[in-house]
Every structure is written in structure tokens, then in C-alpha cells.
């Protein structure tokens, strides 16, 4: 196993220690596994808390900061954080206007965030919850019932985060988050399997001459395997699947996302093909984000997320953000 780690047992704690050293604008509680804005709680502001298994960086800890999340709870690799983490995070960042939990639709995450909301209520912390279930590839998988939460999570965290930063109340921030979650659709493709520190090898077998269409961010199986396709062919397939599920009536945000091991040279080339297909299908792209944002350790591959927006959501997207993983306008 060739990995830049000390041991599988300490990989998350070591990463959090390194994050703390690199980002003094954050408070990183390594022992209790909470990453928060250093200026939290921000009085009079709705707080956003999210989290999930580690291995998807920069999601979620890399999106903590002004304009996005107030706190994130990292679990072990591909494993949900526990309710105690979530309650601790909510207590740390609650500025008196309530806390919004943003939850990807995986069974462990859903159960633990629901339990955390009940515990937070006992501490007089007002909590709302939005579930992200944007992956159109499959219904039900190894990790969840229903659709998986993937790249649309970034859009929810950014747009709801901007609304909260602007002073919107909890019901309004929740409505924005729900609207974005409802408008987002994602589809992923694997060119190679990820390697988890605990396993020390690929999590599934994918022959060199095949790829998997509709893969999940934990390496869950997709719709089908095919012989290796060109970037243009993958873009045609992916965009058509997305538009068949939800054809936008207005402009979209487009996320062309790497799964961890795909270089920007390839992602930008793939983005050119995605943009071509969208133009051919009559879809207007308002903004595009290209890079590794919602990853699966060292998986080779990509995903595409589309979110229909109007002028209000576009203003929220363009609003300043200052996090380790996403930054503009400041």
C-alpha cells in the first residue's frame, strides 16, 4: 500500500491536525472531530452544520467559513459522524437564530443527524434539516435507501450559506436549501476504484478496459459497466441521463467534479464536452465550477451536477465565500 499516511487508525486525526496548522481561521477540535469557524458563534446569524464520512475532501470541512458552513463533523473514512459530534457542533455555532443541518442521504448520516436534532432540542437549540438526494444513477444502494447525496451538497451549502450570511431567518435559509436540493441532479462515472486506508487496496475490481457509469462516492455500484469511452461519449451519456430526469426550464449552475485522482487537464477537457452537449440540448449555463470538490479518496473519474437557478439563486452563488476549498469575492 502506497499512501501518504502514518496508519489507517490515525489518518483522520492526522488530517485534522494538519488542517488546523494550515487554516488558523478555523477552530479544529481533533479529539471531538468538529471543524468550525473561529468567529463562531456569529450572533444573529443562522448557523449551518453538515458532515459525513471522511475521504470526500474538501467536502465538508473544506467548506467551513464565511458564506458557507459554520461547522462540519468528519466521521471516519466513508463512515457517518456520530450524534455527539453534531450536537457539539450545533452548540458551538448556534448564534441564537437556529441551526440548519444539511444531510446527504445515506442511512447512517440520516439516522445520526435525526438523533442529533432531538438531542439539540433538549438543549433548546432550534434545528431544521434539509436532505440532499441528487444522484440520479440509482435508487437504493449499499449505503442508503432512495437517492444518494453527492455533488448537489456543494450547491446547497453555498447557496444556503450565502442566505444565512446575508441575515435571512431560519425558515428562509431552510427554504433556499430545500429549493436548491430539489433543483440539483448529479451523475458520476468511475475510471478506477478508490483505495481506503483500512483495506489497503481497491474497494472493487474494475478492469483496465472498462468504466462504471453511475458510480457512488463510496464506490457503490452504478447502472452498468461499459468498455472505456471517450470524454465526449461520457459527456453525451451523462448529460442525457441528467436531462432525462429533470430538464431545466432556465439557466443552470454546472459542477464538473473530479473524484480525487483525475487531473485538471482531463477535467477541463471533459468540461468542454459537457458544455458542448448542454448547448446542443438547449441548456444555458450561468456559472461553471471545475475541480475536485466532492471526492472519493483516490478514485479516478468524474461527476456532473446541474442545478437550475433564477436571479436570486445566482446572486447567492456570486456572493462572497471564504473557505479552504472555495473562495471568491473577498
C-alpha atoms as a PDB file:
ATOM      1  CA  UNK A   1       0.000   0.000   0.000  1.00  0.00           C
ATOM      2  CA  UNK A   2       1.465   3.322  -1.083  1.00  0.00           C
ATOM      3  CA  UNK A   3      -0.328   6.069   0.824  1.00  0.00           C
ATOM      4  CA  UNK A   4       0.973   9.233   2.464  1.00  0.00           C
ATOM      5  CA  UNK A   5      -0.229   8.261   5.949  1.00  0.00           C
ATOM      6  CA  UNK A   6       1.132   7.109   9.293  1.00  0.00           C
ATOM      7  CA  UNK A   7      -1.528   4.469   9.899  1.00  0.00           C
ATOM      8  CA  UNK A   8      -5.094   3.700   8.911  1.00  0.00           C
ATOM      9  CA  UNK A   9      -6.149   4.221  12.528  1.00  0.00           C
ATOM     10  CA  UNK A  10      -4.861   7.815  12.743  1.00  0.00           C
ATOM     11  CA  UNK A  11      -5.472   9.067   9.206  1.00  0.00           C
ATOM     12  CA  UNK A  12      -8.475  11.282  10.047  1.00  0.00           C
ATOM     13  CA  UNK A  13      -6.945  12.727  13.210  1.00  0.00           C
ATOM     14  CA  UNK A  14      -3.679  13.417  11.385  1.00  0.00           C
ATOM     15  CA  UNK A  15      -5.541  15.205   8.583  1.00  0.00           C
ATOM     16  CA  UNK A  16      -7.425  17.339  11.097  1.00  0.00           C
ATOM     17  CA  UNK A  17      -4.160  18.278  12.840  1.00  0.00           C
ATOM     18  CA  UNK A  18      -2.736  19.337   9.506  1.00  0.00           C
ATOM     19  CA  UNK A  19      -5.861  21.297   8.665  1.00  0.00           C
ATOM     20  CA  UNK A  20      -5.571  23.191  11.935  1.00  0.00           C
ATOM     21  CA  UNK A  21      -1.973  24.138  11.132  1.00  0.00           C
ATOM     22  CA  UNK A  22      -2.867  25.319   7.627  1.00  0.00           C
ATOM     23  CA  UNK A  23      -6.027  27.265   8.491  1.00  0.00           C
ATOM     24  CA  UNK A  24      -5.808  29.428  11.629  1.00  0.00           C
ATOM     25  CA  UNK A  25      -9.158  30.961  10.644  1.00  0.00           C
ATOM     26  CA  UNK A  26     -10.747  27.671  11.725  1.00  0.00           C
ATOM     27  CA  UNK A  27     -11.208  26.024  15.104  1.00  0.00           C
ATOM     28  CA  UNK A  28     -10.357  22.346  14.667  1.00  0.00           C
ATOM     29  CA  UNK A  29     -11.214  20.069  17.587  1.00  0.00           C
ATOM     30  CA  UNK A  30      -9.216  16.969  16.704  1.00  0.00           C
ATOM     31  CA  UNK A  31     -10.337  14.896  19.691  1.00  0.00           C
ATOM     32  CA  UNK A  32     -14.056  15.583  19.273  1.00  0.00           C
ATOM     33  CA  UNK A  33     -13.952  15.796  15.460  1.00  0.00           C
ATOM     34  CA  UNK A  34     -15.519  19.201  14.843  1.00  0.00           C
ATOM     35  CA  UNK A  35     -14.309  21.875  12.393  1.00  0.00           C
ATOM     36  CA  UNK A  36     -15.812  25.345  12.965  1.00  0.00           C
ATOM     37  CA  UNK A  37     -15.416  28.985  12.042  1.00  0.00           C
ATOM     38  CA  UNK A  38     -13.087  30.628  14.533  1.00  0.00           C
ATOM     39  CA  UNK A  39     -15.536  33.540  14.900  1.00  0.00           C
ATOM     40  CA  UNK A  40     -18.418  31.200  15.811  1.00  0.00           C
ATOM     41  CA  UNK A  41     -20.987  31.689  17.104  1.00  0.00           C
ATOM     42  CA  UNK A  42     -21.975  34.655  14.967  1.00  0.00           C
ATOM     43  CA  UNK A  43     -24.705  36.439  16.914  1.00  0.00           C
ATOM     44  CA  UNK A  44     -27.912  36.954  14.983  1.00  0.00           C
ATOM     45  CA  UNK A  45     -26.955  34.593  12.157  1.00  0.00           C
ATOM     46  CA  UNK A  46     -28.439  31.203  11.285  1.00  0.00           C
ATOM     47  CA  UNK A  47     -25.705  28.561  11.597  1.00  0.00           C
ATOM     48  CA  UNK A  48     -25.160  25.788   9.039  1.00  0.00           C
ATOM     49  CA  UNK A  49     -23.791  22.406  10.090  1.00  0.00           C
ATOM     50  CA  UNK A  50     -23.026  19.474   7.827  1.00  0.00           C
ATOM     51  CA  UNK A  51     -20.775  16.456   7.856  1.00  0.00           C
ATOM     52  CA  UNK A  52     -20.239  12.912   6.747  1.00  0.00           C
ATOM     53  CA  UNK A  53     -17.573  10.305   6.324  1.00  0.00           C
ATOM     54  CA  UNK A  54     -14.040  11.462   5.623  1.00  0.00           C
ATOM     55  CA  UNK A  55     -12.495  10.743   2.237  1.00  0.00           C
ATOM     56  CA  UNK A  56     -14.639  13.223   0.281  1.00  0.00           C
ATOM     57  CA  UNK A  57     -12.479  16.299   0.866  1.00  0.00           C
ATOM     58  CA  UNK A  58     -12.808  19.222   0.561  1.00  0.00           C
ATOM     59  CA  UNK A  59     -16.413  18.267   1.432  1.00  0.00           C
ATOM     60  CA  UNK A  60     -17.323  19.108   4.247  1.00  0.00           C
ATOM     61  CA  UNK A  61     -14.589  20.584   6.403  1.00  0.00           C
ATOM     62  CA  UNK A  62     -13.110  22.461   3.471  1.00  0.00           C
ATOM     63  CA  UNK A  63     -16.379  24.363   3.097  1.00  0.00           C
ATOM     64  CA  UNK A  64     -16.413  25.843   6.611  1.00  0.00           C
ATOM     65  CA  UNK A  65     -16.135  29.620   6.674  1.00  0.00           C
ATOM     66  CA  UNK A  66     -17.945  32.867   5.873  1.00  0.00           C
ATOM     67  CA  UNK A  67     -20.509  32.311   3.141  1.00  0.00           C
ATOM     68  CA  UNK A  68     -20.857  28.537   3.611  1.00  0.00           C
ATOM     69  CA  UNK A  69     -20.842  26.259   6.654  1.00  0.00           C
ATOM     70  CA  UNK A  70     -20.361  27.296  10.260  1.00  0.00           C
ATOM     71  CA  UNK A  71     -19.230  23.814  11.279  1.00  0.00           C
ATOM     72  CA  UNK A  72     -18.585  20.348   9.878  1.00  0.00           C
ATOM     73  CA  UNK A  73     -18.421  16.932  11.535  1.00  0.00           C
ATOM     74  CA  UNK A  74     -15.954  14.490   9.920  1.00  0.00           C
ATOM     75  CA  UNK A  75     -16.555  10.805  10.533  1.00  0.00           C
ATOM     76  CA  UNK A  76     -14.109   8.001   9.918  1.00  0.00           C
ATOM     77  CA  UNK A  77     -13.396   7.207   6.264  1.00  0.00           C
ATOM     78  CA  UNK A  78     -16.697   6.573   4.481  1.00  0.00           C
ATOM     79  CA  UNK A  79     -18.448   6.370   7.878  1.00  0.00           C
ATOM     80  CA  UNK A  80     -21.055   8.713   9.328  1.00  0.00           C
ATOM     81  CA  UNK A  81     -20.121  11.016  12.194  1.00  0.00           C
ATOM     82  CA  UNK A  82     -21.926  10.331  15.456  1.00  0.00           C
ATOM     83  CA  UNK A  83     -24.728  12.378  17.049  1.00  0.00           C
ATOM     84  CA  UNK A  84     -22.476  13.675  19.831  1.00  0.00           C
ATOM     85  CA  UNK A  85     -20.299  15.389  17.205  1.00  0.00           C
ATOM     86  CA  UNK A  86     -23.303  17.028  15.602  1.00  0.00           C
ATOM     87  CA  UNK A  87     -24.748  18.283  18.885  1.00  0.00           C
ATOM     88  CA  UNK A  88     -21.343  19.613  19.916  1.00  0.00           C
ATOM     89  CA  UNK A  89     -21.055  21.420  16.587  1.00  0.00           C
ATOM     90  CA  UNK A  90     -24.554  22.888  16.879  1.00  0.00           C
ATOM     91  CA  UNK A  91     -23.868  24.093  20.417  1.00  0.00           C
ATOM     92  CA  UNK A  92     -20.589  25.664  19.325  1.00  0.00           C
ATOM     93  CA  UNK A  93     -22.011  27.668  16.399  1.00  0.00           C
ATOM     94  CA  UNK A  94     -25.582  28.499  17.463  1.00  0.00           C
ATOM     95  CA  UNK A  95     -25.816  32.286  17.474  1.00  0.00           C
ATOM     96  CA  UNK A  96     -29.396  32.374  18.714  1.00  0.00           C
ATOM     97  CA  UNK A  97     -31.151  32.168  15.341  1.00  0.00           C
ATOM     98  CA  UNK A  98     -31.189  28.395  14.971  1.00  0.00           C
ATOM     99  CA  UNK A  99     -29.115  25.774  13.174  1.00  0.00           C
ATOM    100  CA  UNK A 100     -29.680  24.137   9.790  1.00  0.00           C
ATOM    101  CA  UNK A 101     -28.422  20.561   9.388  1.00  0.00           C
ATOM    102  CA  UNK A 102     -27.507  19.764   5.765  1.00  0.00           C
ATOM    103  CA  UNK A 103     -27.568  15.984   5.402  1.00  0.00           C
ATOM    104  CA  UNK A 104     -26.532  13.762   2.497  1.00  0.00           C
ATOM    105  CA  UNK A 105     -28.961  10.885   2.012  1.00  0.00           C
ATOM    106  CA  UNK A 106     -27.019   7.970   3.477  1.00  0.00           C
ATOM    107  CA  UNK A 107     -28.632   5.785   6.106  1.00  0.00           C
ATOM    108  CA  UNK A 108     -26.071   6.430   8.843  1.00  0.00           C
ATOM    109  CA  UNK A 109     -25.991  10.174   8.241  1.00  0.00           C
ATOM    110  CA  UNK A 110     -29.791  10.447   8.266  1.00  0.00           C
ATOM    111  CA  UNK A 111     -30.236   8.438  11.464  1.00  0.00           C
ATOM    112  CA  UNK A 112     -27.446  10.230  13.317  1.00  0.00           C
ATOM    113  CA  UNK A 113     -28.449  13.749  12.270  1.00  0.00           C
ATOM    114  CA  UNK A 114     -32.070  12.986  13.248  1.00  0.00           C
ATOM    115  CA  UNK A 115     -30.905  11.803  16.662  1.00  0.00           C
ATOM    116  CA  UNK A 116     -28.691  14.869  16.997  1.00  0.00           C
ATOM    117  CA  UNK A 117     -31.642  17.158  16.222  1.00  0.00           C
ATOM    118  CA  UNK A 118     -33.615  15.549  19.050  1.00  0.00           C
ATOM    119  CA  UNK A 119     -30.703  15.988  21.456  1.00  0.00           C
ATOM    120  CA  UNK A 120     -30.186  19.592  20.362  1.00  0.00           C
ATOM    121  CA  UNK A 121     -33.851  20.319  21.013  1.00  0.00           C
ATOM    122  CA  UNK A 122     -33.354  19.150  24.590  1.00  0.00           C
ATOM    123  CA  UNK A 123     -30.625  21.802  24.863  1.00  0.00           C
ATOM    124  CA  UNK A 124     -33.021  24.451  23.495  1.00  0.00           C
ATOM    125  CA  UNK A 125     -31.224  24.693  20.156  1.00  0.00           C
ATOM    126  CA  UNK A 126     -33.685  25.202  17.316  1.00  0.00           C
ATOM    127  CA  UNK A 127     -32.762  22.869  14.452  1.00  0.00           C
ATOM    128  CA  UNK A 128     -34.061  22.455  10.902  1.00  0.00           C
ATOM    129  CA  UNK A 129     -32.896  19.801   8.450  1.00  0.00           C
ATOM    130  CA  UNK A 130     -32.564  19.527   4.671  1.00  0.00           C
ATOM    131  CA  UNK A 131     -31.821  16.213   2.967  1.00  0.00           C
ATOM    132  CA  UNK A 132     -29.737  16.165  -0.221  1.00  0.00           C
ATOM    133  CA  UNK A 133     -30.594  13.286  -2.584  1.00  0.00           C
ATOM    134  CA  UNK A 134     -29.415  14.417  -6.004  1.00  0.00           C
ATOM    135  CA  UNK A 135     -27.800  11.331  -7.578  1.00  0.00           C
ATOM    136  CA  UNK A 136     -29.974  10.100 -10.452  1.00  0.00           C
ATOM    137  CA  UNK A 137     -27.900   6.980 -11.155  1.00  0.00           C
ATOM    138  CA  UNK A 138     -29.715   4.504  -8.926  1.00  0.00           C
ATOM    139  CA  UNK A 139     -32.444   4.247  -6.326  1.00  0.00           C
ATOM    140  CA  UNK A 140     -31.254   2.401  -3.219  1.00  0.00           C
ATOM    141  CA  UNK A 141     -27.629   1.325  -2.837  1.00  0.00           C
ATOM    142  CA  UNK A 142     -25.209  -0.227  -0.378  1.00  0.00           C
ATOM    143  CA  UNK A 143     -25.348   2.870   1.822  1.00  0.00           C
ATOM    144  CA  UNK A 144     -28.835   4.315   1.552  1.00  0.00           C
ATOM    145  CA  UNK A 145     -32.498   3.989   0.772  1.00  0.00           C
ATOM    146  CA  UNK A 146     -33.548   6.259  -2.063  1.00  0.00           C
ATOM    147  CA  UNK A 147     -31.200   8.518  -3.992  1.00  0.00           C
ATOM    148  CA  UNK A 148     -27.690   9.235  -2.777  1.00  0.00           C
ATOM    149  CA  UNK A 149     -26.492  12.690  -1.792  1.00  0.00           C
ATOM    150  CA  UNK A 150     -23.492  13.769  -3.857  1.00  0.00           C
ATOM    151  CA  UNK A 151     -22.362  16.899  -5.726  1.00  0.00           C
ATOM    152  CA  UNK A 152     -25.576  18.817  -5.119  1.00  0.00           C
ATOM    153  CA  UNK A 153     -24.448  19.135  -1.492  1.00  0.00           C
ATOM    154  CA  UNK A 154     -21.927  21.781  -2.534  1.00  0.00           C
ATOM    155  CA  UNK A 155     -24.655  23.879  -4.154  1.00  0.00           C
ATOM    156  CA  UNK A 156     -26.891  23.571  -1.090  1.00  0.00           C
ATOM    157  CA  UNK A 157     -24.098  24.559   1.290  1.00  0.00           C
ATOM    158  CA  UNK A 158     -23.005  27.522  -0.828  1.00  0.00           C
ATOM    159  CA  UNK A 159     -26.413  28.999  -1.618  1.00  0.00           C
ATOM    160  CA  UNK A 160     -27.940  28.438   1.823  1.00  0.00           C
ATOM    161  CA  UNK A 161     -24.710  29.665   3.369  1.00  0.00           C
ATOM    162  CA  UNK A 162     -24.925  32.904   1.411  1.00  0.00           C
ATOM    163  CA  UNK A 163     -28.526  33.392   2.504  1.00  0.00           C
ATOM    164  CA  UNK A 164     -27.551  32.877   6.142  1.00  0.00           C
ATOM    165  CA  UNK A 165     -24.590  35.231   5.806  1.00  0.00           C
ATOM    166  CA  UNK A 166     -26.974  37.898   4.481  1.00  0.00           C
ATOM    167  CA  UNK A 167     -29.087  37.607   7.648  1.00  0.00           C
ATOM    168  CA  UNK A 168     -32.016  35.514   6.419  1.00  0.00           C
ATOM    169  CA  UNK A 169     -34.027  33.781   9.192  1.00  0.00           C
ATOM    170  CA  UNK A 170     -34.001  30.019   9.687  1.00  0.00           C
ATOM    171  CA  UNK A 171     -37.185  29.322   7.746  1.00  0.00           C
ATOM    172  CA  UNK A 172     -35.895  31.299   4.768  1.00  0.00           C
ATOM    173  CA  UNK A 173     -32.429  29.676   4.819  1.00  0.00           C
ATOM    174  CA  UNK A 174     -34.099  26.266   5.050  1.00  0.00           C
ATOM    175  CA  UNK A 175     -36.376  27.103   2.113  1.00  0.00           C
ATOM    176  CA  UNK A 176     -33.387  28.127  -0.021  1.00  0.00           C
ATOM    177  CA  UNK A 177     -31.536  24.944   0.889  1.00  0.00           C
ATOM    178  CA  UNK A 178     -34.564  22.770   0.089  1.00  0.00           C
ATOM    179  CA  UNK A 179     -35.157  24.560  -3.186  1.00  0.00           C
ATOM    180  CA  UNK A 180     -31.543  24.003  -4.253  1.00  0.00           C
ATOM    181  CA  UNK A 181     -31.632  20.361  -3.180  1.00  0.00           C
ATOM    182  CA  UNK A 182     -34.814  19.836  -5.212  1.00  0.00           C
ATOM    183  CA  UNK A 183     -33.285  21.513  -8.283  1.00  0.00           C
ATOM    184  CA  UNK A 184     -29.975  19.603  -8.263  1.00  0.00           C
ATOM    185  CA  UNK A 185     -29.191  16.435 -10.210  1.00  0.00           C
ATOM    186  CA  UNK A 186     -25.886  14.512 -10.329  1.00  0.00           C
ATOM    187  CA  UNK A 187     -24.343  11.555 -12.127  1.00  0.00           C
ATOM    188  CA  UNK A 188     -20.886  10.017 -11.615  1.00  0.00           C
ATOM    189  CA  UNK A 189     -18.516   7.856 -13.651  1.00  0.00           C
ATOM    190  CA  UNK A 190     -15.616   5.742 -12.323  1.00  0.00           C
ATOM    191  CA  UNK A 191     -12.472   5.050 -14.334  1.00  0.00           C
ATOM    192  CA  UNK A 192     -10.756   3.378 -11.382  1.00  0.00           C
ATOM    193  CA  UNK A 193     -11.591   2.231  -7.844  1.00  0.00           C
ATOM    194  CA  UNK A 194     -10.695   4.143  -4.659  1.00  0.00           C
ATOM    195  CA  UNK A 195      -8.302   2.740  -2.078  1.00  0.00           C
ATOM    196  CA  UNK A 196      -9.359   3.033   1.566  1.00  0.00           C
ATOM    197  CA  UNK A 197      -6.627   3.167   4.231  1.00  0.00           C
ATOM    198  CA  UNK A 198      -8.240   0.311   6.172  1.00  0.00           C
ATOM    199  CA  UNK A 199      -8.424  -2.022   3.172  1.00  0.00           C
ATOM    200  CA  UNK A 200      -5.108  -1.008   1.661  1.00  0.00           C
ATOM    201  CA  UNK A 201      -6.289  -1.844  -1.834  1.00  0.00           C
ATOM    202  CA  UNK A 202      -9.031  -1.061  -4.366  1.00  0.00           C
ATOM    203  CA  UNK A 203     -12.551  -1.311  -2.961  1.00  0.00           C
ATOM    204  CA  UNK A 204     -13.825  -3.031  -6.105  1.00  0.00           C
ATOM    205  CA  UNK A 205     -12.414  -4.616  -9.235  1.00  0.00           C
ATOM    206  CA  UNK A 206     -12.663  -2.577 -12.425  1.00  0.00           C
ATOM    207  CA  UNK A 207     -10.781  -3.982 -15.417  1.00  0.00           C
ATOM    208  CA  UNK A 208      -8.476  -1.557 -17.217  1.00  0.00           C
ATOM    209  CA  UNK A 209     -10.611  -1.624 -20.349  1.00  0.00           C
ATOM    210  CA  UNK A 210     -13.921  -0.831 -18.585  1.00  0.00           C
ATOM    211  CA  UNK A 211     -15.589   2.008 -16.724  1.00  0.00           C
ATOM    212  CA  UNK A 212     -18.595   2.162 -14.411  1.00  0.00           C
ATOM    213  CA  UNK A 213     -21.494   4.506 -15.166  1.00  0.00           C
ATOM    214  CA  UNK A 214     -23.454   5.844 -12.215  1.00  0.00           C
ATOM    215  CA  UNK A 215     -20.907   5.094  -9.504  1.00  0.00           C
ATOM    216  CA  UNK A 216     -21.459   6.323  -5.936  1.00  0.00           C
ATOM    217  CA  UNK A 217     -18.963   8.371  -3.928  1.00  0.00           C
ATOM    218  CA  UNK A 218     -18.203   5.364  -1.698  1.00  0.00           C
ATOM    219  CA  UNK A 219     -17.605   3.142  -4.696  1.00  0.00           C
ATOM    220  CA  UNK A 220     -21.156   1.773  -4.702  1.00  0.00           C
ATOM    221  CA  UNK A 221     -22.100   0.084  -7.971  1.00  0.00           C
ATOM    222  CA  UNK A 222     -23.675   2.175 -10.697  1.00  0.00           C
ATOM    223  CA  UNK A 223     -26.046   1.419 -13.541  1.00  0.00           C
ATOM    224  CA  UNK A 224     -23.743  -0.555 -15.811  1.00  0.00           C
ATOM    225  CA  UNK A 225     -20.214  -1.239 -16.927  1.00  0.00           C
ATOM    226  CA  UNK A 226     -19.059  -0.483 -20.434  1.00  0.00           C
ATOM    227  CA  UNK A 227     -15.883  -0.564 -22.446  1.00  0.00           C
ATOM    228  CA  UNK A 228     -13.808   2.575 -21.968  1.00  0.00           C
ATOM    229  CA  UNK A 229     -15.451   5.597 -23.625  1.00  0.00           C
ATOM    230  CA  UNK A 230     -14.029   8.902 -24.822  1.00  0.00           C
ATOM    231  CA  UNK A 231     -14.565  12.119 -22.901  1.00  0.00           C
ATOM    232  CA  UNK A 232     -17.123  13.212 -25.498  1.00  0.00           C
ATOM    233  CA  UNK A 233     -19.034   9.934 -25.233  1.00  0.00           C
ATOM    234  CA  UNK A 234     -19.110  10.126 -21.429  1.00  0.00           C
ATOM    235  CA  UNK A 235     -20.364  13.720 -21.591  1.00  0.00           C
ATOM    236  CA  UNK A 236     -23.156  12.780 -24.022  1.00  0.00           C
ATOM    237  CA  UNK A 237     -24.248   9.882 -21.822  1.00  0.00           C
ATOM    238  CA  UNK A 238     -24.039  11.794 -18.545  1.00  0.00           C
ATOM    239  CA  UNK A 239     -25.842  14.943 -19.653  1.00  0.00           C
ATOM    240  CA  UNK A 240     -28.603  12.950 -21.350  1.00  0.00           C
ATOM    241  CA  UNK A 241     -29.190  10.970 -18.137  1.00  0.00           C
ATOM    242  CA  UNK A 242     -29.391  14.199 -16.123  1.00  0.00           C
ATOM    243  CA  UNK A 243     -31.765  15.916 -18.533  1.00  0.00           C
ATOM    244  CA  UNK A 244     -33.966  12.841 -18.820  1.00  0.00           C
ATOM    245  CA  UNK A 245     -34.516  13.020 -15.077  1.00  0.00           C
ATOM    246  CA  UNK A 246     -35.036  16.793 -14.885  1.00  0.00           C
ATOM    247  CA  UNK A 247     -34.964  19.106 -17.888  1.00  0.00           C
ATOM    248  CA  UNK A 248     -34.291  22.624 -16.570  1.00  0.00           C
ATOM    249  CA  UNK A 249     -36.502  25.443 -17.765  1.00  0.00           C
ATOM    250  CA  UNK A 250     -33.909  28.100 -17.041  1.00  0.00           C
ATOM    251  CA  UNK A 251     -30.148  28.553 -16.652  1.00  0.00           C
ATOM    252  CA  UNK A 252     -28.094  26.169 -14.542  1.00  0.00           C
ATOM    253  CA  UNK A 253     -25.075  26.026 -12.330  1.00  0.00           C
ATOM    254  CA  UNK A 254     -22.766  23.273 -13.579  1.00  0.00           C
ATOM    255  CA  UNK A 255     -20.299  21.402 -11.377  1.00  0.00           C
ATOM    256  CA  UNK A 256     -17.783  19.280 -13.279  1.00  0.00           C
ATOM    257  CA  UNK A 257     -16.253  17.415 -10.387  1.00  0.00           C
ATOM    258  CA  UNK A 258     -13.236  15.151 -10.080  1.00  0.00           C
ATOM    259  CA  UNK A 259     -13.458  12.096  -7.853  1.00  0.00           C
ATOM    260  CA  UNK A 260      -9.973  12.575  -6.400  1.00  0.00           C
ATOM    261  CA  UNK A 261      -7.455  11.175  -8.885  1.00  0.00           C
ATOM    262  CA  UNK A 262      -8.489  12.910 -12.099  1.00  0.00           C
ATOM    263  CA  UNK A 263      -6.188  15.825 -13.013  1.00  0.00           C
ATOM    264  CA  UNK A 264      -7.493  19.232 -14.037  1.00  0.00           C
ATOM    265  CA  UNK A 265      -6.114  18.713 -17.550  1.00  0.00           C
ATOM    266  CA  UNK A 266      -8.667  15.937 -18.022  1.00  0.00           C
ATOM    267  CA  UNK A 267     -11.447  17.698 -16.114  1.00  0.00           C
ATOM    268  CA  UNK A 268     -11.211  20.854 -18.211  1.00  0.00           C
ATOM    269  CA  UNK A 269     -11.258  18.752 -21.367  1.00  0.00           C
ATOM    270  CA  UNK A 270     -14.302  16.930 -20.061  1.00  0.00           C
ATOM    271  CA  UNK A 271     -15.933  20.249 -19.173  1.00  0.00           C
ATOM    272  CA  UNK A 272     -15.546  21.364 -22.796  1.00  0.00           C
ATOM    273  CA  UNK A 273     -17.553  18.316 -23.847  1.00  0.00           C
ATOM    274  CA  UNK A 274     -20.176  18.815 -21.128  1.00  0.00           C
ATOM    275  CA  UNK A 275     -20.677  22.418 -22.212  1.00  0.00           C
ATOM    276  CA  UNK A 276     -20.975  21.285 -25.845  1.00  0.00           C
ATOM    277  CA  UNK A 277     -23.698  18.785 -25.009  1.00  0.00           C
ATOM    278  CA  UNK A 278     -25.611  21.283 -22.885  1.00  0.00           C
ATOM    279  CA  UNK A 279     -25.566  23.832 -25.721  1.00  0.00           C
ATOM    280  CA  UNK A 280     -26.754  21.186 -28.168  1.00  0.00           C
ATOM    281  CA  UNK A 281     -29.596  20.300 -25.788  1.00  0.00           C
ATOM    282  CA  UNK A 282     -30.615  23.957 -25.405  1.00  0.00           C
ATOM    283  CA  UNK A 283     -29.484  24.383 -21.778  1.00  0.00           C
ATOM    284  CA  UNK A 284     -27.952  27.716 -20.745  1.00  0.00           C
ATOM    285  CA  UNK A 285     -25.078  27.512 -18.260  1.00  0.00           C
ATOM    286  CA  UNK A 286     -24.908  30.533 -15.957  1.00  0.00           C
ATOM    287  CA  UNK A 287     -21.840  29.509 -13.943  1.00  0.00           C
ATOM    288  CA  UNK A 288     -19.400  26.590 -14.042  1.00  0.00           C
ATOM    289  CA  UNK A 289     -17.176  25.138 -11.338  1.00  0.00           C
ATOM    290  CA  UNK A 290     -14.469  22.638 -12.326  1.00  0.00           C
ATOM    291  CA  UNK A 291     -12.258  20.716  -9.914  1.00  0.00           C
ATOM    292  CA  UNK A 292     -12.056  18.107  -7.169  1.00  0.00           C
ATOM    293  CA  UNK A 293     -14.741  19.146  -4.680  1.00  0.00           C
ATOM    294  CA  UNK A 294     -16.772  16.054  -3.733  1.00  0.00           C
ATOM    295  CA  UNK A 295     -14.255  13.260  -3.974  1.00  0.00           C
ATOM    296  CA  UNK A 296     -13.879   9.583  -3.195  1.00  0.00           C
ATOM    297  CA  UNK A 297     -10.322   9.334  -1.911  1.00  0.00           C
ATOM    298  CA  UNK A 298      -8.175   8.451  -4.950  1.00  0.00           C
ATOM    299  CA  UNK A 299     -10.951   7.311  -7.274  1.00  0.00           C
ATOM    300  CA  UNK A 300     -10.315   8.127 -10.915  1.00  0.00           C
ATOM    301  CA  UNK A 301     -13.442   9.523 -12.527  1.00  0.00           C
ATOM    302  CA  UNK A 302     -15.810  12.439 -12.578  1.00  0.00           C
ATOM    303  CA  UNK A 303     -19.316  13.587 -11.856  1.00  0.00           C
ATOM    304  CA  UNK A 304     -21.573  16.280 -13.245  1.00  0.00           C
ATOM    305  CA  UNK A 305     -24.114  18.212 -11.192  1.00  0.00           C
ATOM    306  CA  UNK A 306     -26.663  20.626 -12.647  1.00  0.00           C
ATOM    307  CA  UNK A 307     -28.806  22.985 -10.587  1.00  0.00           C
ATOM    308  CA  UNK A 308     -31.435  25.231 -12.136  1.00  0.00           C
ATOM    309  CA  UNK A 309     -31.188  28.796 -10.844  1.00  0.00           C
ATOM    310  CA  UNK A 310     -33.001  32.120 -11.098  1.00  0.00           C
ATOM    311  CA  UNK A 311     -31.687  35.632 -10.431  1.00  0.00           C
ATOM    312  CA  UNK A 312     -31.967  35.222  -6.658  1.00  0.00           C
ATOM    313  CA  UNK A 313     -30.045  31.953  -6.540  1.00  0.00           C
ATOM    314  CA  UNK A 314     -27.454  33.324  -8.946  1.00  0.00           C
ATOM    315  CA  UNK A 315     -26.872  36.301  -6.647  1.00  0.00           C
ATOM    316  CA  UNK A 316     -26.400  33.891  -3.752  1.00  0.00           C
ATOM    317  CA  UNK A 317     -23.909  31.871  -5.796  1.00  0.00           C
ATOM    318  CA  UNK A 318     -21.921  35.009  -6.644  1.00  0.00           C
ATOM    319  CA  UNK A 319     -21.942  36.242  -3.018  1.00  0.00           C
ATOM    320  CA  UNK A 320     -18.534  36.224  -1.284  1.00  0.00           C
ATOM    321  CA  UNK A 321     -17.281  32.971   0.197  1.00  0.00           C
ATOM    322  CA  UNK A 322     -14.104  32.338   2.163  1.00  0.00           C
ATOM    323  CA  UNK A 323     -13.337  28.696   2.937  1.00  0.00           C
ATOM    324  CA  UNK A 324     -10.375  26.372   2.494  1.00  0.00           C
ATOM    325  CA  UNK A 325     -11.985  24.698  -0.509  1.00  0.00           C
ATOM    326  CA  UNK A 326     -13.997  27.514  -2.125  1.00  0.00           C
ATOM    327  CA  UNK A 327     -13.146  31.191  -2.123  1.00  0.00           C
ATOM    328  CA  UNK A 328     -14.134  34.274  -4.097  1.00  0.00           C
ATOM    329  CA  UNK A 329     -15.318  37.865  -3.669  1.00  0.00           C
ATOM    330  CA  UNK A 330     -13.263  38.715  -0.572  1.00  0.00           C
END
